[in-house]
Amino acid sequence: MVEATALVTQGDRSVSLDSVSLPEPTDDDVLVRTRYSGVSIGTELDIIRGSQGGARYPVCTGYQATGIVESTGANVESLEAGDRVYFRDNRSMESDDGETITTGAGSHCSQSVVNPEESIGIARLPDGVDEAVASTFVLPAVGLNGVDRANVRMGDTVAVQGVGLVGLGVVAACVHRGAEVVAVDPQENRLEVAGQLGADHLVDPDERDPIAAVDDVTEGEGADVVFEATGIHALLDTAFQLCKPYGTFVFQGVYQGEPVSFDYRVPHNKHLDAVFPCDDGLEPCRRAVLKNMASGALPWEHTITHRYDAADAPDLYTDLLADEADDVIGAVIDWRGQ
């Protein structure tokens, strides 16, 4: 067994840094020493709170990290010891008393055992990329996948409703494609980052009607493409109204709880095309965002507002679960001391 430390959440939603055991690597595995793991606030809180099909405790969340390959099995040819990697996997783990710890990917852990042939993602980091920033690679990749699926074109006007990390990934990808971007969000700090990533118009819906704002930009025509990235059911009807007739609407958010309902007449009468991206676009999107980070084309460091040593990371989750962390946009956990 491989001895490691991990962030573990119990049934009472308490989070602690615990000793855990990972399976001994086989000839098909690599053992990775984690350097940084990125926090996906929305998804991780959904898992902890049980809104993604019910939580199974104890659980180690996280699904994006960077690290160094410590050893490789005899059958592994794609990676070598010493390689800097990004990854989305950790096979399994258990507590010191033998209890199984649920791991969707379990990247909030000091080490990972990964089979490169079965993994949902592990590859070498490009030269020059910041390992801490790169550890949040999934979120901009999700945004890029949505933008690619929607086929945003040069000169399009795009409205992005909700600029958390996924929405910010959408903003950056649309800017790269030459679109004029309207970012909509009630949080000033998120809008500020959207501007740093190149958004042309910043709209606080508590201060200005987003529909009127988009009409001003498009002379009343509506946006060519609208990304609804909040995941809030009640905001779908507003988002549909931002879109022009025969435009494209992207369900970029994750809509938990009750089945989604909305006023069908608006998208129906506008003849909208609908897009449902559901993942990070797999290796092509991941590779693209990391290359853009390395080259400076994607200044994703603007999204990282908080950095925690692993020993202090439980405090972050305590605040997040208590809804006392509105100032957090992106967060990374530093495992180098573990």
Protein backbone atom coordinates (compact mmCIF):
# COMPACT_ATOMS: atom_id res chain seq x y z
CA MET A 1 0.00 0.00 0.00
CA VAL A 2 1.03 3.61 -0.60
CA GLU A 3 0.70 5.88 2.42
CA ALA A 4 -0.65 9.35 1.62
CA THR A 5 -2.69 12.24 3.02
CA ALA A 6 -6.00 13.44 1.60
CA LEU A 7 -8.82 15.89 2.21
CA VAL A 8 -11.69 13.76 3.49
CA THR A 9 -15.28 14.84 4.11
CA GLN A 10 -17.41 12.89 6.61
CA GLY A 11 -21.17 12.47 6.78
CA ASP A 12 -21.50 15.47 9.08
CA ARG A 13 -19.74 17.50 6.33
CA SER A 14 -16.67 18.06 8.42
CA VAL A 15 -13.49 18.19 6.33
CA SER A 16 -10.06 17.16 7.57
CA LEU A 17 -6.61 16.25 6.27
CA ASP A 18 -6.34 12.51 6.99
CA SER A 19 -3.88 9.69 6.52
CA VAL A 20 -5.05 7.31 3.80
CA SER A 21 -3.78 4.29 1.92
CA LEU A 22 -3.67 3.86 -1.85
CA PRO A 23 -3.32 0.52 -3.66
CA GLU A 24 0.17 -0.64 -4.53
CA PRO A 25 0.92 0.35 -8.15
CA THR A 26 0.90 -2.49 -10.68
CA ASP A 27 3.03 -2.89 -13.79
CA ASP A 28 0.39 -0.86 -15.67
CA ASP A 29 0.35 2.09 -13.25
CA VAL A 30 2.24 5.26 -12.52
CA LEU A 31 2.64 6.74 -9.05
CA VAL A 32 2.30 10.52 -9.04
CA ARG A 33 3.36 12.88 -6.27
CA THR A 34 0.81 15.70 -6.28
CA ARG A 35 2.12 19.26 -6.44
CA TYR A 36 -1.16 21.18 -6.66
CA SER A 37 -4.83 20.35 -6.93
CA GLY A 38 -7.48 22.71 -8.22
CA VAL A 39 -10.80 23.26 -6.47
CA SER A 40 -14.01 23.01 -8.49
CA ILE A 41 -16.33 24.76 -6.08
CA GLY A 42 -19.71 24.08 -7.67
CA THR A 43 -19.20 20.41 -8.48
CA GLU A 44 -17.43 19.59 -5.24
CA LEU A 45 -20.08 21.21 -3.07
CA ASP A 46 -22.78 19.42 -5.07
CA ILE A 47 -21.04 16.11 -4.34
CA ILE A 48 -20.56 16.86 -0.65
CA ARG A 49 -24.15 18.04 -0.25
CA GLY A 50 -25.49 15.04 -2.13
CA SER A 51 -27.16 16.87 -5.01
CA GLN A 52 -25.42 14.69 -7.62
CA GLY A 53 -27.31 11.50 -6.83
CA GLY A 54 -26.55 11.33 -3.12
CA ALA A 55 -23.20 11.48 -1.37
CA ARG A 56 -21.40 8.37 -0.12
CA TYR A 57 -19.26 9.28 2.87
CA PRO A 58 -16.45 9.50 3.62
CA VAL A 59 -15.49 11.15 0.33
CA CYS A 60 -12.38 12.69 -1.17
CA THR A 61 -13.38 15.21 -3.82
CA GLY A 62 -11.34 16.93 -6.52
CA TYR A 63 -10.76 15.95 -10.13
CA GLN A 64 -7.87 18.10 -11.39
CA ALA A 65 -4.26 18.24 -10.31
CA THR A 66 -0.63 18.55 -11.35
CA GLY A 67 2.30 16.56 -10.10
CA ILE A 68 5.53 14.66 -10.72
CA VAL A 69 5.70 11.01 -11.78
CA GLU A 70 7.60 9.17 -9.04
CA SER A 71 7.64 5.71 -10.60
CA THR A 72 6.23 3.80 -13.56
CA GLY A 73 5.23 0.18 -13.98
CA ALA A 74 7.10 -2.13 -16.31
CA ASN A 75 4.37 -1.94 -18.96
CA VAL A 76 4.08 1.87 -19.03
CA GLU A 77 5.71 3.48 -22.07
CA SER A 78 3.94 6.84 -22.30
CA LEU A 79 5.45 8.39 -19.16
CA GLU A 80 8.73 8.33 -17.25
CA ALA A 81 9.78 9.05 -13.68
CA GLY A 82 10.36 12.77 -13.28
CA ASP A 83 7.74 13.84 -15.84
CA ARG A 84 5.59 16.83 -14.86
CA VAL A 85 1.98 15.82 -15.49
CA TYR A 86 -1.62 16.96 -15.23
CA PHE A 87 -4.20 14.35 -14.33
CA ARG A 88 -7.81 13.63 -13.41
CA ASP A 89 -7.60 10.30 -11.64
CA ASN A 90 -6.80 8.41 -8.45
CA ARG A 91 -7.79 4.76 -8.46
CA SER A 92 -9.05 4.28 -4.91
CA MET A 93 -8.21 4.95 -1.27
CA GLU A 94 -9.12 3.81 2.20
CA SER A 95 -8.77 5.15 5.71
CA ASP A 96 -6.30 3.86 8.30
CA ASP A 97 -9.00 1.58 9.72
CA GLY A 98 -9.75 0.05 6.31
CA GLU A 99 -12.89 2.02 5.46
CA THR A 100 -13.36 2.71 1.75
CA ILE A 101 -13.22 6.39 0.88
CA THR A 102 -15.34 7.37 -2.12
CA THR A 103 -13.32 9.00 -4.89
CA GLY A 104 -14.91 10.37 -8.02
CA ALA A 105 -11.32 11.09 -8.94
CA GLY A 106 -9.89 11.94 -5.53
CA SER A 107 -7.27 14.41 -6.66
CA HIS A 108 -7.16 16.25 -3.31
CA CYS A 109 -4.54 13.78 -2.18
CA SER A 110 -0.77 13.93 -1.79
CA GLN A 111 -0.27 11.01 -4.21
CA SER A 112 -2.21 9.24 -6.95
CA VAL A 113 -2.03 5.80 -8.52
CA VAL A 114 -3.03 6.10 -12.18
CA ASN A 115 -3.28 3.64 -15.05
CA PRO A 116 -2.53 5.79 -18.13
CA GLU A 117 -4.42 3.40 -20.41
CA GLU A 118 -7.61 3.53 -18.32
CA SER A 119 -7.37 7.04 -16.89
CA ILE A 120 -9.82 9.76 -17.85
CA GLY A 121 -6.79 12.00 -18.15
CA ILE A 122 -3.06 12.07 -17.53
CA ALA A 123 -0.42 13.65 -19.77
CA ARG A 124 2.79 15.66 -19.64
CA LEU A 125 2.55 19.35 -18.83
CA PRO A 126 3.81 21.67 -21.56
CA ASP A 127 7.04 23.52 -20.83
CA GLY A 128 6.58 26.89 -19.19
CA VAL A 129 3.16 26.37 -17.65
CA ASP A 130 2.69 27.34 -14.00
CA GLU A 131 1.91 24.14 -12.08
CA ALA A 132 -0.46 25.82 -9.62
CA VAL A 133 -2.53 27.58 -12.29
CA ALA A 134 -2.48 24.46 -14.48
CA SER A 135 -4.04 22.41 -11.66
CA THR A 136 -7.38 24.09 -12.47
CA PHE A 137 -7.25 23.04 -16.14
CA VAL A 138 -10.62 21.29 -16.24
CA LEU A 139 -12.72 24.45 -15.79
CA PRO A 140 -11.40 26.41 -18.80
CA ALA A 141 -11.48 23.18 -20.81
CA VAL A 142 -15.20 22.81 -20.02
CA GLY A 143 -15.72 26.36 -21.27
CA LEU A 144 -13.68 25.75 -24.41
CA ASN A 145 -15.66 22.60 -25.17
CA GLY A 146 -18.91 24.57 -24.99
CA VAL A 147 -17.54 27.29 -27.25
CA ASP A 148 -16.28 24.72 -29.74
CA ARG A 149 -19.61 22.88 -29.73
CA ALA A 150 -21.47 26.17 -30.30
CA ASN A 151 -19.10 27.10 -33.16
CA VAL A 152 -18.57 30.69 -32.03
CA ARG A 153 -17.25 32.67 -34.99
CA MET A 154 -15.24 35.81 -35.59
CA GLY A 155 -17.47 38.87 -35.14
CA ASP A 156 -20.22 37.07 -33.21
CA THR A 157 -21.78 38.80 -30.23
CA VAL A 158 -21.80 36.41 -27.28
CA ALA A 159 -23.57 36.79 -23.94
CA VAL A 160 -22.30 34.75 -20.99
CA GLN A 161 -24.72 34.60 -18.07
CA GLY A 162 -22.72 33.61 -15.01
CA VAL A 163 -18.95 34.03 -14.94
CA GLY A 164 -17.76 31.57 -12.38
CA LEU A 165 -14.81 29.48 -13.49
CA VAL A 166 -16.65 27.72 -16.31
CA GLY A 167 -18.20 30.98 -17.51
CA LEU A 168 -14.78 32.62 -17.38
CA GLY A 169 -13.45 29.78 -19.50
CA VAL A 170 -16.21 30.55 -22.00
CA VAL A 171 -15.29 34.25 -21.96
CA ALA A 172 -11.62 33.52 -22.66
CA ALA A 173 -12.36 31.07 -25.47
CA CYS A 174 -14.82 33.45 -27.15
CA VAL A 175 -12.31 36.30 -26.93
CA HIS A 176 -9.71 34.08 -28.64
CA ARG A 177 -12.18 33.51 -31.47
CA GLY A 178 -12.72 37.21 -32.06
CA ALA A 179 -16.21 37.50 -30.58
CA GLU A 180 -17.61 40.54 -28.78
CA VAL A 181 -18.39 39.31 -25.28
CA VAL A 182 -21.01 40.50 -22.80
CA ALA A 183 -20.40 39.07 -19.31
CA VAL A 184 -23.33 39.02 -16.87
CA ASP A 185 -22.89 38.33 -13.16
CA PRO A 186 -23.95 39.99 -9.87
CA GLN A 187 -20.50 39.53 -8.28
CA GLU A 188 -18.16 42.45 -8.92
CA ASN A 189 -15.01 40.36 -8.46
CA ARG A 190 -16.09 37.90 -11.15
CA LEU A 191 -16.89 40.69 -13.58
CA GLU A 192 -13.47 42.20 -12.92
CA VAL A 193 -11.78 38.93 -13.87
CA ALA A 194 -14.01 38.61 -16.95
CA GLY A 195 -12.70 42.02 -18.01
CA GLN A 196 -9.11 40.91 -17.44
CA LEU A 197 -9.76 37.95 -19.73
CA GLY A 198 -11.05 40.25 -22.45
CA ALA A 199 -14.82 40.61 -22.01
CA ASP A 200 -15.99 43.79 -23.77
CA HIS A 201 -19.06 44.58 -21.66
CA LEU A 202 -19.57 43.87 -17.95
CA VAL A 203 -23.15 43.75 -16.67
CA ASP A 204 -24.30 43.49 -13.07
CA PRO A 205 -27.94 42.30 -13.34
CA ASP A 206 -28.74 43.95 -10.00
CA GLU A 207 -27.86 47.32 -11.52
CA ARG A 208 -28.80 46.94 -15.16
CA ASP A 209 -31.25 44.75 -17.07
CA PRO A 210 -29.12 42.23 -19.03
CA ILE A 211 -31.69 42.15 -21.85
CA ALA A 212 -31.44 45.92 -22.29
CA ALA A 213 -27.65 45.74 -22.07
CA VAL A 214 -27.43 43.13 -24.83
CA ASP A 215 -29.96 45.07 -26.93
CA ASP A 216 -27.74 48.16 -26.64
CA VAL A 217 -24.72 46.21 -27.86
CA THR A 218 -26.58 44.51 -30.72
CA GLU A 219 -28.97 47.36 -31.65
CA GLY A 220 -31.90 45.27 -30.51
CA GLU A 221 -31.06 42.11 -32.43
CA GLY A 222 -29.87 39.94 -29.52
CA ALA A 223 -26.71 37.90 -29.11
CA ASP A 224 -25.63 35.39 -31.74
CA VAL A 225 -24.75 32.89 -29.02
CA VAL A 226 -25.85 32.82 -25.37
CA PHE A 227 -24.14 30.71 -22.72
CA GLU A 228 -26.18 30.09 -19.57
CA ALA A 229 -23.44 29.16 -17.11
CA THR A 230 -25.05 29.67 -13.70
CA GLY A 231 -26.87 26.36 -13.49
CA ILE A 232 -29.78 28.21 -11.87
CA HIS A 233 -33.12 27.01 -13.27
CA ALA A 234 -34.90 30.32 -12.72
CA LEU A 235 -32.40 32.21 -14.87
CA LEU A 236 -33.01 30.22 -18.04
CA ASP A 237 -35.96 32.36 -19.13
CA THR A 238 -33.88 35.53 -18.93
CA ALA A 239 -31.04 33.90 -20.82
CA PHE A 240 -33.32 32.81 -23.68
CA GLN A 241 -34.38 36.42 -24.14
CA LEU A 242 -30.75 37.48 -24.64
CA CYS A 243 -30.52 35.42 -27.82
CA LYS A 244 -31.39 36.65 -31.30
CA PRO A 245 -33.81 34.75 -33.58
CA TYR A 246 -32.13 31.72 -35.15
CA GLY A 247 -29.30 32.09 -32.66
CA THR A 248 -27.59 29.42 -30.55
CA PHE A 249 -28.28 28.74 -26.87
CA VAL A 250 -25.79 26.78 -24.77
CA PHE A 251 -26.84 24.99 -21.58
CA GLN A 252 -23.38 25.47 -20.11
CA GLY A 253 -24.46 25.14 -16.48
CA VAL A 254 -25.23 21.97 -14.53
CA TYR A 255 -28.88 22.00 -13.47
CA GLN A 256 -29.33 19.95 -10.30
CA GLY A 257 -32.46 19.04 -8.39
CA GLU A 258 -35.87 19.10 -10.00
CA PRO A 259 -36.24 18.66 -13.78
CA VAL A 260 -35.56 21.85 -15.70
CA SER A 261 -38.59 23.86 -16.79
CA PHE A 262 -38.82 27.10 -18.74
CA ASP A 263 -41.13 29.14 -20.93
CA TYR A 264 -40.98 27.08 -24.10
CA ARG A 265 -42.50 29.81 -26.24
CA VAL A 266 -39.42 32.06 -26.22
CA PRO A 267 -36.82 29.62 -27.61
CA HIS A 268 -39.50 28.04 -29.79
CA ASN A 269 -40.58 31.29 -31.41
CA LYS A 270 -36.96 32.35 -31.85
CA HIS A 271 -36.08 29.07 -33.60
CA LEU A 272 -33.03 28.62 -31.39
CA ASP A 273 -30.47 25.86 -31.74
CA ALA A 274 -29.60 24.27 -28.37
CA VAL A 275 -26.22 22.86 -27.34
CA PHE A 276 -25.62 20.62 -24.32
CA PRO A 277 -21.88 20.27 -23.63
CA CYS A 278 -21.38 17.92 -20.69
CA ASP A 279 -17.64 17.53 -20.11
CA ASP A 280 -14.23 19.13 -20.61
CA GLY A 281 -13.84 18.09 -24.23
CA LEU A 282 -11.37 15.39 -23.21
CA GLU A 283 -7.72 15.48 -24.28
CA PRO A 284 -8.01 17.98 -27.18
CA CYS A 285 -9.55 20.70 -24.99
CA ARG A 286 -7.27 19.99 -22.03
CA ARG A 287 -4.18 20.13 -24.22
CA ALA A 288 -5.36 23.36 -25.85
CA VAL A 289 -5.96 25.25 -22.61
CA LEU A 290 -2.64 24.12 -21.12
CA LYS A 291 -0.74 25.18 -24.24
CA ASN A 292 -2.51 28.54 -24.07
CA MET A 293 -1.61 28.89 -20.39
CA ALA A 294 2.03 28.09 -21.16
CA SER A 295 2.22 30.60 -24.02
CA GLY A 296 0.47 33.37 -22.10
CA ALA A 297 -2.50 33.39 -24.48
CA LEU A 298 -4.73 32.29 -21.59
CA PRO A 299 -3.89 34.41 -18.50
CA TRP A 300 -5.80 32.05 -16.24
CA GLU A 301 -3.81 33.18 -13.20
CA HIS A 302 -6.31 36.04 -12.90
CA THR A 303 -8.95 33.51 -11.81
CA ILE A 304 -6.88 32.16 -8.89
CA THR A 305 -7.93 34.27 -5.94
CA HIS A 306 -6.96 31.90 -3.11
CA ARG A 307 -4.09 29.51 -2.45
CA TYR A 308 -3.99 27.13 0.51
CA ASP A 309 -1.41 24.78 1.94
CA ALA A 310 -2.98 21.35 2.25
CA ALA A 311 -2.97 21.60 6.05
CA ASP A 312 -5.14 24.73 5.88
CA ALA A 313 -7.47 23.57 3.08
CA PRO A 314 -10.19 22.24 5.46
CA ASP A 315 -10.81 25.88 6.45
CA LEU A 316 -11.69 26.68 2.83
CA TYR A 317 -14.31 23.95 2.70
CA THR A 318 -15.74 24.95 6.07
CA ASP A 319 -16.28 28.46 4.70
CA LEU A 320 -17.64 27.23 1.37
CA LEU A 321 -20.15 24.90 3.03
CA ALA A 322 -21.27 27.75 5.29
CA ASP A 323 -21.73 30.03 2.25
CA GLU A 324 -19.11 32.38 3.70
CA ALA A 325 -16.67 32.49 0.80
CA ASP A 326 -18.17 34.76 -1.86
CA ASP A 327 -14.75 36.26 -2.48
CA VAL A 328 -13.38 32.93 -3.72
CA ILE A 329 -13.37 32.52 -7.49
CA GLY A 330 -10.60 30.01 -8.08
CA ALA A 331 -8.60 28.17 -5.42
CA VAL A 332 -5.63 25.81 -5.49
CA ILE A 333 -4.25 23.52 -2.83
CA ASP A 334 -0.47 23.18 -2.38
CA TRP A 335 0.58 19.60 -1.56
CA ARG A 336 4.33 20.11 -1.71
CA GLY A 337 4.72 19.92 2.06
CA GLN A 338 2.92 16.58 2.40
